[in-house]
PDB file of all heavy atoms in Angstrom:
ATOM      1  N   ARG A   1     -24.777   8.009   6.785  1.00  0.00           N
ATOM      2  CA  ARG A   1     -24.927   9.155   5.833  1.00  0.00           C
ATOM      3  C   ARG A   1     -23.716   9.125   4.861  1.00  0.00           C
ATOM      4  O   ARG A   1     -22.609   8.853   5.215  1.00  0.00           O
ATOM      5  CB  ARG A   1     -24.865  10.414   6.594  1.00  0.00           C
ATOM      6  CG  ARG A   1     -26.049  10.686   7.511  1.00  0.00           C
ATOM      7  CD  ARG A   1     -25.935  12.045   8.194  1.00  0.00           C
ATOM      8  NE  ARG A   1     -27.018  12.351   9.102  1.00  0.00           N
ATOM      9  CZ  ARG A   1     -27.030  13.347   9.896  1.00  0.00           C
ATOM     10  NH1 ARG A   1     -26.087  14.345   9.813  1.00  0.00           N
ATOM     11  NH2 ARG A   1     -28.113  13.608  10.682  1.00  0.00           N
ATOM     12  N   TYR A   2     -24.039   9.502   3.640  1.00  0.00           N
ATOM     13  CA  TYR A   2     -23.000   9.668   2.580  1.00  0.00           C
ATOM     14  C   TYR A   2     -23.138  11.111   2.015  1.00  0.00           C
ATOM     15  O   TYR A   2     -24.232  11.491   1.622  1.00  0.00           O
ATOM     16  CB  TYR A   2     -23.218   8.663   1.471  1.00  0.00           C
ATOM     17  CG  TYR A   2     -23.137   7.225   1.908  1.00  0.00           C
ATOM     18  CD1 TYR A   2     -24.228   6.548   2.439  1.00  0.00           C
ATOM     19  CD2 TYR A   2     -21.873   6.521   1.876  1.00  0.00           C
ATOM     20  CE1 TYR A   2     -24.119   5.214   2.868  1.00  0.00           C
ATOM     21  CE2 TYR A   2     -21.805   5.216   2.241  1.00  0.00           C
ATOM     22  CZ  TYR A   2     -22.933   4.576   2.809  1.00  0.00           C
ATOM     23  OH  TYR A   2     -22.774   3.275   3.200  1.00  0.00           O
ATOM     24  N   ARG A   3     -22.034  11.819   1.977  1.00  0.00           N
ATOM     25  CA  ARG A   3     -22.057  13.176   1.609  1.00  0.00           C
ATOM     26  C   ARG A   3     -20.986  13.461   0.500  1.00  0.00           C
ATOM     27  O   ARG A   3     -20.154  12.645   0.253  1.00  0.00           O
ATOM     28  CB  ARG A   3     -21.775  14.103   2.845  1.00  0.00           C
ATOM     29  CG  ARG A   3     -22.776  14.000   3.964  1.00  0.00           C
ATOM     30  CD  ARG A   3     -22.364  14.911   5.104  1.00  0.00           C
ATOM     31  NE  ARG A   3     -23.229  14.831   6.272  1.00  0.00           N
ATOM     32  CZ  ARG A   3     -24.420  15.467   6.436  1.00  0.00           C
ATOM     33  NH1 ARG A   3     -24.782  16.235   5.416  1.00  0.00           N
ATOM     34  NH2 ARG A   3     -25.142  15.334   7.484  1.00  0.00           N
ATOM     35  N   TYR A   4     -21.174  14.674  -0.063  1.00  0.00           N
ATOM     36  CA  TYR A   4     -20.137  15.174  -1.018  1.00  0.00           C
ATOM     37  C   TYR A   4     -18.979  15.666  -0.266  1.00  0.00           C
ATOM     38  O   TYR A   4     -19.097  16.431   0.721  1.00  0.00           O
ATOM     39  CB  TYR A   4     -20.764  16.227  -1.874  1.00  0.00           C
ATOM     40  CG  TYR A   4     -19.784  17.057  -2.639  1.00  0.00           C
ATOM     41  CD1 TYR A   4     -19.040  16.484  -3.706  1.00  0.00           C
ATOM     42  CD2 TYR A   4     -19.508  18.370  -2.284  1.00  0.00           C
ATOM     43  CE1 TYR A   4     -18.051  17.221  -4.359  1.00  0.00           C
ATOM     44  CE2 TYR A   4     -18.556  19.101  -2.981  1.00  0.00           C
ATOM     45  CZ  TYR A   4     -17.871  18.531  -3.998  1.00  0.00           C
ATOM     46  OH  TYR A   4     -16.907  19.249  -4.686  1.00  0.00           O
ATOM     47  N   ASP A   5     -17.750  15.341  -0.724  1.00  0.00           N
ATOM     48  CA  ASP A   5     -16.500  15.815  -0.071  1.00  0.00           C
ATOM     49  C   ASP A   5     -15.588  16.095  -1.225  1.00  0.00           C
ATOM     50  O   ASP A   5     -15.144  15.223  -1.969  1.00  0.00           O
ATOM     51  CB  ASP A   5     -15.966  14.758   0.810  1.00  0.00           C
ATOM     52  CG  ASP A   5     -14.690  15.251   1.561  1.00  0.00           C
ATOM     53  OD1 ASP A   5     -14.093  16.237   1.143  1.00  0.00           O
ATOM     54  OD2 ASP A   5     -14.346  14.640   2.600  1.00  0.00           O
ATOM     55  N   ARG A   6     -15.269  17.360  -1.450  1.00  0.00           N
ATOM     56  CA  ARG A   6     -14.396  17.751  -2.559  1.00  0.00           C
ATOM     57  C   ARG A   6     -13.015  17.177  -2.490  1.00  0.00           C
ATOM     58  O   ARG A   6     -12.304  17.093  -3.560  1.00  0.00           O
ATOM     59  CB  ARG A   6     -14.316  19.303  -2.678  1.00  0.00           C
ATOM     60  CG  ARG A   6     -13.621  19.943  -1.562  1.00  0.00           C
ATOM     61  CD  ARG A   6     -13.484  21.461  -1.713  1.00  0.00           C
ATOM     62  NE  ARG A   6     -14.816  22.032  -1.778  1.00  0.00           N
ATOM     63  CZ  ARG A   6     -15.050  23.313  -2.073  1.00  0.00           C
ATOM     64  NH1 ARG A   6     -14.000  24.089  -2.442  1.00  0.00           N
ATOM     65  NH2 ARG A   6     -16.245  23.796  -2.059  1.00  0.00           N
ATOM     66  N   GLU A   7     -12.579  16.742  -1.361  1.00  0.00           N
ATOM     67  CA  GLU A   7     -11.262  16.163  -1.189  1.00  0.00           C
ATOM     68  C   GLU A   7     -11.304  14.624  -1.446  1.00  0.00           C
ATOM     69  O   GLU A   7     -10.239  14.024  -1.484  1.00  0.00           O
ATOM     70  CB  GLU A   7     -10.778  16.403   0.183  1.00  0.00           C
ATOM     71  CG  GLU A   7     -10.659  17.853   0.584  1.00  0.00           C
ATOM     72  CD  GLU A   7      -9.682  18.647  -0.332  1.00  0.00           C
ATOM     73  OE1 GLU A   7      -8.710  18.017  -0.793  1.00  0.00           O
ATOM     74  OE2 GLU A   7      -9.925  19.813  -0.540  1.00  0.00           O
ATOM     75  N   ARG A   8     -12.466  14.066  -1.611  1.00  0.00           N
ATOM     76  CA  ARG A   8     -12.594  12.589  -1.792  1.00  0.00           C
ATOM     77  C   ARG A   8     -13.237  12.229  -3.131  1.00  0.00           C
ATOM     78  O   ARG A   8     -14.441  12.447  -3.296  1.00  0.00           O
ATOM     79  CB  ARG A   8     -13.447  11.998  -0.681  1.00  0.00           C
ATOM     80  CG  ARG A   8     -12.921  12.275   0.729  1.00  0.00           C
ATOM     81  CD  ARG A   8     -11.693  11.507   1.041  1.00  0.00           C
ATOM     82  NE  ARG A   8     -11.297  11.595   2.419  1.00  0.00           N
ATOM     83  CZ  ARG A   8     -10.294  10.966   3.042  1.00  0.00           C
ATOM     84  NH1 ARG A   8      -9.551  10.154   2.318  1.00  0.00           N
ATOM     85  NH2 ARG A   8     -10.019  11.143   4.240  1.00  0.00           N
ATOM     86  N   PRO A   9     -12.503  11.784  -4.102  1.00  0.00           N
ATOM     87  CA  PRO A   9     -13.064  11.406  -5.399  1.00  0.00           C
ATOM     88  C   PRO A   9     -14.094  10.292  -5.355  1.00  0.00           C
ATOM     89  O   PRO A   9     -14.815  10.067  -6.353  1.00  0.00           O
ATOM     90  CB  PRO A   9     -11.831  11.083  -6.251  1.00  0.00           C
ATOM     91  CG  PRO A   9     -10.794  10.714  -5.302  1.00  0.00           C
ATOM     92  CD  PRO A   9     -11.043  11.498  -4.044  1.00  0.00           C
ATOM     93  N   ASP A  10     -14.059   9.529  -4.271  1.00  0.00           N
ATOM     94  CA  ASP A  10     -15.015   8.407  -4.130  1.00  0.00           C
ATOM     95  C   ASP A  10     -16.232   8.759  -3.239  1.00  0.00           C
ATOM     96  O   ASP A  10     -16.994   7.892  -2.851  1.00  0.00           O
ATOM     97  CB  ASP A  10     -14.350   7.160  -3.614  1.00  0.00           C
ATOM     98  CG  ASP A  10     -13.789   7.326  -2.201  1.00  0.00           C
ATOM     99  OD1 ASP A  10     -13.668   8.517  -1.769  1.00  0.00           O
ATOM    100  OD2 ASP A  10     -13.467   6.322  -1.567  1.00  0.00           O
ATOM    101  N   SER A  11     -16.400  10.104  -3.059  1.00  0.00           N
ATOM    102  CA  SER A  11     -17.660  10.548  -2.301  1.00  0.00           C
ATOM    103  C   SER A  11     -18.688  10.821  -3.416  1.00  0.00           C
ATOM    104  O   SER A  11     -18.467  10.769  -4.613  1.00  0.00           O
ATOM    105  CB  SER A  11     -17.371  11.728  -1.482  1.00  0.00           C
ATOM    106  OG  SER A  11     -17.189  12.878  -2.333  1.00  0.00           O
ATOM    107  N   LEU A  12     -19.893  11.126  -2.947  1.00  0.00           N
ATOM    108  CA  LEU A  12     -20.900  11.580  -3.855  1.00  0.00           C
ATOM    109  C   LEU A  12     -20.457  12.798  -4.638  1.00  0.00           C
ATOM    110  O   LEU A  12     -19.763  13.622  -4.080  1.00  0.00           O
ATOM    111  CB  LEU A  12     -22.211  11.904  -3.149  1.00  0.00           C
ATOM    112  CG  LEU A  12     -23.127  10.796  -2.655  1.00  0.00           C
ATOM    113  CD1 LEU A  12     -24.198  11.339  -1.785  1.00  0.00           C
ATOM    114  CD2 LEU A  12     -23.716  10.031  -3.824  1.00  0.00           C
ATOM    115  N   SER A  13     -20.860  12.908  -5.893  1.00  0.00           N
ATOM    116  CA  SER A  13     -20.424  14.061  -6.719  1.00  0.00           C
ATOM    117  C   SER A  13     -21.224  15.315  -6.367  1.00  0.00           C
ATOM    118  O   SER A  13     -20.874  16.421  -6.867  1.00  0.00           O
ATOM    119  CB  SER A  13     -20.535  13.754  -8.182  1.00  0.00           C
ATOM    120  OG  SER A  13     -21.860  13.448  -8.544  1.00  0.00           O
ATOM    121  N   SER A  14     -22.262  15.231  -5.537  1.00  0.00           N
ATOM    122  CA  SER A  14     -23.031  16.345  -5.131  1.00  0.00           C
ATOM    123  C   SER A  14     -23.768  15.989  -3.841  1.00  0.00           C
ATOM    124  O   SER A  14     -24.105  14.850  -3.582  1.00  0.00           O
ATOM    125  CB  SER A  14     -24.053  16.701  -6.205  1.00  0.00           C
ATOM    126  OG  SER A  14     -25.029  17.655  -5.746  1.00  0.00           O
ATOM    127  N   PRO A  15     -24.068  16.997  -2.985  1.00  0.00           N
ATOM    128  CA  PRO A  15     -24.828  16.768  -1.800  1.00  0.00           C
ATOM    129  C   PRO A  15     -26.319  16.437  -2.060  1.00  0.00           C
ATOM    130  O   PRO A  15     -27.013  15.941  -1.232  1.00  0.00           O
ATOM    131  CB  PRO A  15     -24.657  17.964  -0.972  1.00  0.00           C
ATOM    132  CG  PRO A  15     -24.359  19.033  -1.934  1.00  0.00           C
ATOM    133  CD  PRO A  15     -23.589  18.380  -3.035  1.00  0.00           C
ATOM    134  N   THR A  16     -26.789  16.846  -3.266  1.00  0.00           N
ATOM    135  CA  THR A  16     -28.217  16.707  -3.558  1.00  0.00           C
ATOM    136  C   THR A  16     -28.447  15.435  -4.380  1.00  0.00           C
ATOM    137  O   THR A  16     -27.729  15.124  -5.331  1.00  0.00           O
ATOM    138  CB  THR A  16     -28.678  17.924  -4.425  1.00  0.00           C
ATOM    139  OG1 THR A  16     -28.448  19.132  -3.638  1.00  0.00           O
ATOM    140  CG2 THR A  16     -30.168  17.790  -4.695  1.00  0.00           C
ATOM    141  N   VAL A  17     -29.470  14.712  -3.983  1.00  0.00           N
ATOM    142  CA  VAL A  17     -29.823  13.467  -4.646  1.00  0.00           C
ATOM    143  C   VAL A  17     -31.265  13.558  -5.160  1.00  0.00           C
ATOM    144  O   VAL A  17     -32.236  13.690  -4.414  1.00  0.00           O
ATOM    145  CB  VAL A  17     -29.721  12.239  -3.718  1.00  0.00           C
ATOM    146  CG1 VAL A  17     -30.164  10.954  -4.401  1.00  0.00           C
ATOM    147  CG2 VAL A  17     -28.289  12.071  -3.222  1.00  0.00           C
ATOM    148  N   TYR A  18     -31.399  13.486  -6.545  1.00  0.00           N
ATOM    149  CA  TYR A  18     -32.724  13.568  -7.171  1.00  0.00           C
ATOM    150  C   TYR A  18     -33.379  12.185  -7.335  1.00  0.00           C
ATOM    151  O   TYR A  18     -34.543  12.028  -7.173  1.00  0.00           O
ATOM    152  CB  TYR A  18     -32.596  14.203  -8.552  1.00  0.00           C
ATOM    153  CG  TYR A  18     -32.209  15.662  -8.526  1.00  0.00           C
ATOM    154  CD1 TYR A  18     -31.413  16.193  -9.526  1.00  0.00           C
ATOM    155  CD2 TYR A  18     -32.664  16.542  -7.526  1.00  0.00           C
ATOM    156  CE1 TYR A  18     -31.124  17.550  -9.587  1.00  0.00           C
ATOM    157  CE2 TYR A  18     -32.352  17.880  -7.541  1.00  0.00           C
ATOM    158  CZ  TYR A  18     -31.595  18.371  -8.555  1.00  0.00           C
ATOM    159  OH  TYR A  18     -31.234  19.727  -8.595  1.00  0.00           O
ATOM    160  N   GLY A  19     -32.529  11.170  -7.707  1.00  0.00           N
ATOM    161  CA  GLY A  19     -33.093   9.922  -8.130  1.00  0.00           C
ATOM    162  C   GLY A  19     -32.264   8.751  -7.551  1.00  0.00           C
ATOM    163  O   GLY A  19     -31.067   8.924  -7.310  1.00  0.00           O
ATOM    164  N   LEU A  20     -32.920   7.582  -7.373  1.00  0.00           N
ATOM    165  CA  LEU A  20     -32.246   6.369  -6.924  1.00  0.00           C
ATOM    166  C   LEU A  20     -32.811   5.171  -7.689  1.00  0.00           C
ATOM    167  O   LEU A  20     -33.988   5.187  -8.001  1.00  0.00           O
ATOM    168  CB  LEU A  20     -32.416   6.171  -5.429  1.00  0.00           C
ATOM    169  CG  LEU A  20     -31.738   7.166  -4.467  1.00  0.00           C
ATOM    170  CD1 LEU A  20     -32.266   6.996  -3.071  1.00  0.00           C
ATOM    171  CD2 LEU A  20     -30.214   6.881  -4.511  1.00  0.00           C
ATOM    172  N   HIS A  21     -31.968   4.206  -7.928  1.00  0.00           N
ATOM    173  CA  HIS A  21     -32.430   2.970  -8.661  1.00  0.00           C
ATOM    174  C   HIS A  21     -31.544   1.818  -8.227  1.00  0.00           C
ATOM    175  O   HIS A  21     -30.338   1.979  -8.097  1.00  0.00           O
ATOM    176  CB  HIS A  21     -32.420   3.169 -10.148  1.00  0.00           C
ATOM    177  CG  HIS A  21     -32.713   1.972 -10.935  1.00  0.00           C
ATOM    178  ND1 HIS A  21     -33.955   1.407 -10.941  1.00  0.00           N
ATOM    179  CD2 HIS A  21     -31.935   1.207 -11.687  1.00  0.00           C
ATOM    180  CE1 HIS A  21     -33.931   0.333 -11.712  1.00  0.00           C
ATOM    181  NE2 HIS A  21     -32.736   0.172 -12.179  1.00  0.00           N
ATOM    182  N   VAL A  22     -32.124   0.645  -8.122  1.00  0.00           N
ATOM    183  CA  VAL A  22     -31.388  -0.604  -7.904  1.00  0.00           C
ATOM    184  C   VAL A  22     -31.607  -1.493  -9.091  1.00  0.00           C
ATOM    185  O   VAL A  22     -32.746  -1.828  -9.420  1.00  0.00           O
ATOM    186  CB  VAL A  22     -31.835  -1.290  -6.611  1.00  0.00           C
ATOM    187  CG1 VAL A  22     -31.057  -2.619  -6.410  1.00  0.00           C
ATOM    188  CG2 VAL A  22     -31.555  -0.419  -5.402  1.00  0.00           C
ATOM    189  N   ASP A  23     -30.519  -1.937  -9.753  1.00  0.00           N
ATOM    190  CA  ASP A  23     -30.682  -2.760 -10.962  1.00  0.00           C
ATOM    191  C   ASP A  23     -30.803  -4.266 -10.587  1.00  0.00           C
ATOM    192  O   ASP A  23     -30.762  -4.580  -9.457  1.00  0.00           O
ATOM    193  CB  ASP A  23     -29.585  -2.468 -12.019  1.00  0.00           C
ATOM    194  CG  ASP A  23     -28.171  -2.915 -11.485  1.00  0.00           C
ATOM    195  OD1 ASP A  23     -28.115  -3.718 -10.557  1.00  0.00           O
ATOM    196  OD2 ASP A  23     -27.226  -2.353 -12.030  1.00  0.00           O
ATOM    197  N   ARG A  24     -30.900  -5.113 -11.621  1.00  0.00           N
ATOM    198  CA  ARG A  24     -31.102  -6.542 -11.389  1.00  0.00           C
ATOM    199  C   ARG A  24     -29.923  -7.164 -10.677  1.00  0.00           C
ATOM    200  O   ARG A  24     -30.079  -8.182  -9.963  1.00  0.00           O
ATOM    201  CB  ARG A  24     -31.321  -7.227 -12.735  1.00  0.00           C
ATOM    202  CG  ARG A  24     -32.656  -6.931 -13.384  1.00  0.00           C
ATOM    203  CD  ARG A  24     -32.671  -7.381 -14.820  1.00  0.00           C
ATOM    204  NE  ARG A  24     -32.389  -8.775 -14.966  1.00  0.00           N
ATOM    205  CZ  ARG A  24     -33.298  -9.747 -14.949  1.00  0.00           C
ATOM    206  NH1 ARG A  24     -34.558  -9.431 -14.814  1.00  0.00           N
ATOM    207  NH2 ARG A  24     -32.983 -11.004 -15.132  1.00  0.00           N
ATOM    208  N   ARG A  25     -28.722  -6.600 -10.766  1.00  0.00           N
ATOM    209  CA  ARG A  25     -27.517  -7.083 -10.166  1.00  0.00           C
ATOM    210  C   ARG A  25     -27.376  -6.556  -8.733  1.00  0.00           C
ATOM    211  O   ARG A  25     -26.415  -6.969  -8.039  1.00  0.00           O
ATOM    212  CB  ARG A  25     -26.301  -6.842 -10.952  1.00  0.00           C
ATOM    213  CG  ARG A  25     -26.316  -7.520 -12.314  1.00  0.00           C
ATOM    214  CD  ARG A  25     -24.997  -7.209 -13.118  1.00  0.00           C
ATOM    215  NE  ARG A  25     -24.902  -7.962 -14.357  1.00  0.00           N
ATOM    216  CZ  ARG A  25     -25.444  -7.566 -15.505  1.00  0.00           C
ATOM    217  NH1 ARG A  25     -26.101  -6.425 -15.595  1.00  0.00           N
ATOM    218  NH2 ARG A  25     -25.330  -8.331 -16.562  1.00  0.00           N
ATOM    219  N   GLY A  26     -28.258  -5.731  -8.317  1.00  0.00           N
ATOM    220  CA  GLY A  26     -28.190  -5.150  -7.030  1.00  0.00           C
ATOM    221  C   GLY A  26     -27.383  -3.897  -6.878  1.00  0.00           C
ATOM    222  O   GLY A  26     -27.182  -3.341  -5.742  1.00  0.00           O
ATOM    223  N   ASN A  27     -26.916  -3.331  -7.971  1.00  0.00           N
ATOM    224  CA  ASN A  27     -26.183  -2.040  -7.959  1.00  0.00           C
ATOM    225  C   ASN A  27     -27.076  -0.912  -7.581  1.00  0.00           C
ATOM    226  O   ASN A  27     -28.229  -0.808  -8.162  1.00  0.00           O
ATOM    227  CB  ASN A  27     -25.519  -1.785  -9.331  1.00  0.00           C
ATOM    228  CG  ASN A  27     -24.411  -2.809  -9.666  1.00  0.00           C
ATOM    229  OD1 ASN A  27     -23.531  -3.092  -8.884  1.00  0.00           O
ATOM    230  ND2 ASN A  27     -24.571  -3.369 -10.840  1.00  0.00           N
ATOM    231  N   VAL A  28     -26.642  -0.061  -6.720  1.00  0.00           N
ATOM    232  CA  VAL A  28     -27.365   1.138  -6.324  1.00  0.00           C
ATOM    233  C   VAL A  28     -26.883   2.287  -7.153  1.00  0.00           C
ATOM    234  O   VAL A  28     -25.719   2.735  -7.078  1.00  0.00           O
ATOM    235  CB  VAL A  28     -27.260   1.438  -4.836  1.00  0.00           C
ATOM    236  CG1 VAL A  28     -28.032   2.730  -4.484  1.00  0.00           C
ATOM    237  CG2 VAL A  28     -27.723   0.278  -4.011  1.00  0.00           C
ATOM    238  N   TRP A  29     -27.779   2.889  -7.990  1.00  0.00           N
ATOM    239  CA  TRP A  29     -27.427   3.998  -8.839  1.00  0.00           C
ATOM    240  C   TRP A  29     -28.012   5.261  -8.230  1.00  0.00           C
ATOM    241  O   TRP A  29     -29.181   5.274  -7.802  1.00  0.00           O
ATOM    242  CB  TRP A  29     -27.948   3.782 -10.276  1.00  0.00           C
ATOM    243  CG  TRP A  29     -27.308   2.637 -10.927  1.00  0.00           C
ATOM    244  CD1 TRP A  29     -27.761   1.318 -10.964  1.00  0.00           C
ATOM    245  CD2 TRP A  29     -26.127   2.664 -11.701  1.00  0.00           C
ATOM    246  NE1 TRP A  29     -26.843   0.537 -11.643  1.00  0.00           N
ATOM    247  CE2 TRP A  29     -25.872   1.393 -12.168  1.00  0.00           C
ATOM    248  CE3 TRP A  29     -25.190   3.658 -12.029  1.00  0.00           C
ATOM    249  CZ2 TRP A  29     -24.784   0.994 -12.922  1.00  0.00           C
ATOM    250  CZ3 TRP A  29     -24.068   3.342 -12.819  1.00  0.00           C
ATOM    251  CH2 TRP A  29     -23.869   1.968 -13.230  1.00  0.00           C
ATOM    252  N   VAL A  30     -27.243   6.307  -8.247  1.00  0.00           N
ATOM    253  CA  VAL A  30     -27.647   7.596  -7.614  1.00  0.00           C
ATOM    254  C   VAL A  30     -27.658   8.734  -8.663  1.00  0.00           C
ATOM    255  O   VAL A  30     -26.764   8.798  -9.497  1.00  0.00           O
ATOM    256  CB  VAL A  30     -26.630   7.974  -6.440  1.00  0.00           C
ATOM    257  CG1 VAL A  30     -27.128   9.217  -5.746  1.00  0.00           C
ATOM    258  CG2 VAL A  30     -26.450   6.794  -5.527  1.00  0.00           C
ATOM    259  N   GLY A  31     -28.709   9.528  -8.594  1.00  0.00           N
ATOM    260  CA  GLY A  31     -28.908  10.605  -9.551  1.00  0.00           C
ATOM    261  C   GLY A  31     -28.737  11.984  -8.904  1.00  0.00           C
ATOM    262  O   GLY A  31     -29.779  12.509  -8.457  1.00  0.00           O
ATOM    263  N   PRO A  32     -27.623  12.583  -8.859  1.00  0.00           N
ATOM    264  CA  PRO A  32     -27.407  13.961  -8.425  1.00  0.00           C
ATOM    265  C   PRO A  32     -27.398  14.911  -9.627  1.00  0.00           C
ATOM    266  O   PRO A  32     -27.493  14.505 -10.794  1.00  0.00           O
ATOM    267  CB  PRO A  32     -26.044  13.933  -7.776  1.00  0.00           C
ATOM    268  CG  PRO A  32     -25.282  12.866  -8.568  1.00  0.00           C
ATOM    269  CD  PRO A  32     -26.270  11.904  -9.102  1.00  0.00           C
ATOM    270  N   PRO A  33     -27.307  16.231  -9.393  1.00  0.00           N
ATOM    271  CA  PRO A  33     -27.241  17.186 -10.555  1.00  0.00           C
ATOM    272  C   PRO A  33     -25.901  17.209 -11.238  1.00  0.00           C
ATOM    273  O   PRO A  33     -25.741  18.015 -12.132  1.00  0.00           O
ATOM    274  CB  PRO A  33     -27.609  18.491  -9.836  1.00  0.00           C
ATOM    275  CG  PRO A  33     -27.165  18.293  -8.448  1.00  0.00           C
ATOM    276  CD  PRO A  33     -27.415  16.908  -8.136  1.00  0.00           C
TER     277      PRO A  33
END
């Protein structure tokens, strides 16, 4: 699990995830609000 943590700048920026995408290079992009 990956969650939002206000004390961690490298955590998710929000607990809610609307969208996901993997590009040609294999990067995982996350769409929160």
